[in-house]
């Protein structure tokens, strides 16, 4: 079972989910499940189709915003749009949660939802060090 790390009341991250985690996510009130992991990155990884089927069976919206490495501007924009459109709490996952928290952080800065210091502090409370992304967050944040 993967640990769901709450970042805000409306956003959490997790490492690789197993099909049983999807039902638990629905039971815990998540409405959207986002995969930030590419298909077949490593042997034994559940397929995107299997996770999507589980999500749909559990009544969750399923979004694939898969990437590797630092998120591109297109991924950040897609993440920001998804967060804006989400109809309730979002659970995003990848191998360790790092890609998911990074995409969220950059999307929050781009949208102007939170200032870089707040984004870094929220990530830290969830167990992720985004201090190295401060420059990117400040570049994306709207100027006062």
Protein backbone atom coordinates (compact mmCIF):
# COMPACT_ATOMS: atom_id res chain seq x y z
CA UNK A 1 0.00 0.00 0.00
CA UNK A 2 1.21 3.42 -0.92
CA UNK A 3 1.21 6.30 1.57
CA UNK A 4 -0.94 9.28 0.55
CA UNK A 5 0.92 12.45 1.57
CA UNK A 6 -1.45 15.37 2.01
CA UNK A 7 0.03 18.63 0.72
CA UNK A 8 -3.13 20.76 0.92
CA UNK A 9 -6.76 19.86 1.68
CA UNK A 10 -7.25 19.45 -2.09
CA UNK A 11 -3.98 17.84 -3.19
CA UNK A 12 -1.96 14.80 -2.15
CA UNK A 13 0.87 12.81 -3.66
CA UNK A 14 1.90 9.18 -3.49
CA UNK A 15 4.45 6.77 -4.80
CA UNK A 16 3.41 4.00 -7.18
CA UNK A 17 -0.17 2.94 -6.59
CA UNK A 18 -1.41 -0.61 -6.71
CA UNK A 19 -4.97 -1.35 -7.83
CA UNK A 20 -6.12 -1.73 -4.18
CA UNK A 21 -4.90 1.78 -3.42
CA UNK A 22 -7.40 3.20 -5.89
CA UNK A 23 -10.42 1.99 -3.89
CA UNK A 24 -8.85 3.40 -0.74
CA UNK A 25 -8.35 6.76 -2.49
CA UNK A 26 -12.02 6.87 -3.41
CA UNK A 27 -13.02 5.89 0.13
CA UNK A 28 -10.84 8.71 1.51
CA UNK A 29 -12.68 11.25 -0.63
CA UNK A 30 -10.36 11.84 -3.56
CA UNK A 31 -12.19 12.73 -6.77
CA UNK A 32 -9.37 12.79 -9.32
CA UNK A 33 -6.44 10.41 -9.76
CA UNK A 34 -3.45 11.66 -11.76
CA UNK A 35 -0.58 9.52 -12.98
CA UNK A 36 2.67 11.37 -13.60
CA UNK A 37 4.56 8.20 -14.46
CA UNK A 38 5.21 6.88 -17.96
CA UNK A 39 3.94 3.45 -18.91
CA UNK A 40 6.31 0.54 -18.22
CA UNK A 41 9.10 2.53 -16.57
CA UNK A 42 10.08 -0.56 -14.65
CA UNK A 43 9.11 -4.24 -14.61
CA UNK A 44 6.08 -5.07 -12.49
CA UNK A 45 4.64 -1.54 -12.58
CA UNK A 46 0.82 -1.75 -12.84
CA UNK A 47 -0.33 -0.71 -16.29
CA UNK A 48 -1.97 2.64 -16.83
CA UNK A 49 -4.98 0.82 -18.29
CA UNK A 50 -5.40 -1.26 -15.12
CA UNK A 51 -5.17 1.79 -12.84
CA UNK A 52 -7.54 3.73 -15.09
CA UNK A 53 -10.08 0.90 -15.02
CA UNK A 54 -9.87 0.73 -11.22
CA UNK A 55 -10.26 4.51 -10.99
CA UNK A 56 -13.31 4.55 -13.23
CA UNK A 57 -14.86 1.64 -11.34
CA UNK A 58 -14.34 3.59 -8.11
CA UNK A 59 -15.96 6.72 -9.57
CA UNK A 60 -12.73 8.68 -9.84
CA UNK A 61 -11.76 10.89 -12.73
CA UNK A 62 -8.49 9.58 -14.19
CA UNK A 63 -5.91 11.87 -15.77
CA UNK A 64 -2.60 10.84 -17.32
CA UNK A 65 -0.02 13.63 -17.26
CA UNK A 66 3.00 11.38 -17.60
CA UNK A 67 6.54 12.71 -17.86
CA UNK A 68 10.10 11.97 -16.80
CA UNK A 69 12.70 14.46 -15.68
CA UNK A 70 11.79 18.03 -14.87
CA UNK A 71 8.27 18.89 -16.06
CA UNK A 72 8.14 20.83 -19.33
CA UNK A 73 6.18 24.08 -19.60
CA UNK A 74 3.39 22.10 -21.32
CA UNK A 75 3.21 19.64 -18.39
CA UNK A 76 3.13 22.52 -15.89
CA UNK A 77 0.33 24.23 -17.84
CA UNK A 78 -1.63 20.96 -18.14
CA UNK A 79 -1.22 20.36 -14.40
CA UNK A 80 -2.40 23.90 -13.60
CA UNK A 81 -5.47 23.42 -15.81
CA UNK A 82 -6.23 20.03 -14.23
CA UNK A 83 -5.98 21.50 -10.72
CA UNK A 84 -8.27 24.36 -11.73
CA UNK A 85 -10.84 21.98 -13.25
CA UNK A 86 -10.73 19.34 -10.50
CA UNK A 87 -14.04 18.70 -8.83
CA UNK A 88 -12.64 17.81 -5.41
CA UNK A 89 -9.42 16.48 -3.89
CA UNK A 90 -6.70 15.25 -6.26
CA UNK A 91 -4.27 12.39 -5.66
CA UNK A 92 -1.27 12.44 -8.00
CA UNK A 93 1.32 9.69 -8.13
CA UNK A 94 4.56 8.62 -9.76
CA UNK A 95 7.34 6.30 -8.61
CA UNK A 96 8.12 8.21 -5.38
CA UNK A 97 5.82 11.25 -5.47
CA UNK A 98 8.65 13.64 -6.38
CA UNK A 99 7.52 14.25 -9.97
CA UNK A 100 3.96 14.79 -8.77
CA UNK A 101 4.89 17.31 -6.07
CA UNK A 102 7.19 19.13 -8.49
CA UNK A 103 4.50 19.45 -11.19
CA UNK A 104 2.03 20.65 -8.54
CA UNK A 105 4.51 23.21 -7.16
CA UNK A 106 5.31 24.70 -10.54
CA UNK A 107 1.62 24.75 -11.51
CA UNK A 108 0.73 26.54 -8.26
CA UNK A 109 3.42 29.15 -8.90
CA UNK A 110 2.30 29.60 -12.51
CA UNK A 111 -1.33 30.04 -11.48
CA UNK A 112 -0.35 32.47 -8.74
CA UNK A 113 -2.24 30.33 -6.23
CA UNK A 114 0.61 30.39 -3.70
CA UNK A 115 3.91 32.19 -3.25
CA UNK A 116 7.16 30.21 -3.60
CA UNK A 117 7.88 30.21 0.16
CA UNK A 118 4.45 28.72 0.91
CA UNK A 119 4.82 26.10 -1.84
CA UNK A 120 8.22 25.02 -0.52
CA UNK A 121 6.90 24.87 3.07
CA UNK A 122 3.87 22.77 2.08
CA UNK A 123 6.07 20.35 0.14
CA UNK A 124 8.45 20.09 3.10
CA UNK A 125 5.58 19.20 5.46
CA UNK A 126 4.71 16.38 3.05
CA UNK A 127 8.31 15.15 3.10
CA UNK A 128 9.70 16.70 -0.10
CA UNK A 129 12.54 19.21 -0.37
CA UNK A 130 11.77 21.66 -3.17
CA UNK A 131 14.23 24.32 -2.03
CA UNK A 132 16.26 23.65 -5.17
CA UNK A 133 13.25 24.67 -7.27
CA UNK A 134 13.00 28.12 -5.67
CA UNK A 135 14.41 29.87 -8.76
CA UNK A 136 11.90 28.20 -11.09
CA UNK A 137 9.04 28.91 -8.67
CA UNK A 138 10.03 32.58 -8.42
CA UNK A 139 10.34 32.85 -12.21
CA UNK A 140 6.84 31.41 -12.69
CA UNK A 141 5.16 33.34 -9.88
CA UNK A 142 3.27 36.46 -10.95
CA UNK A 143 5.15 39.65 -10.18
CA UNK A 144 3.49 42.01 -7.69
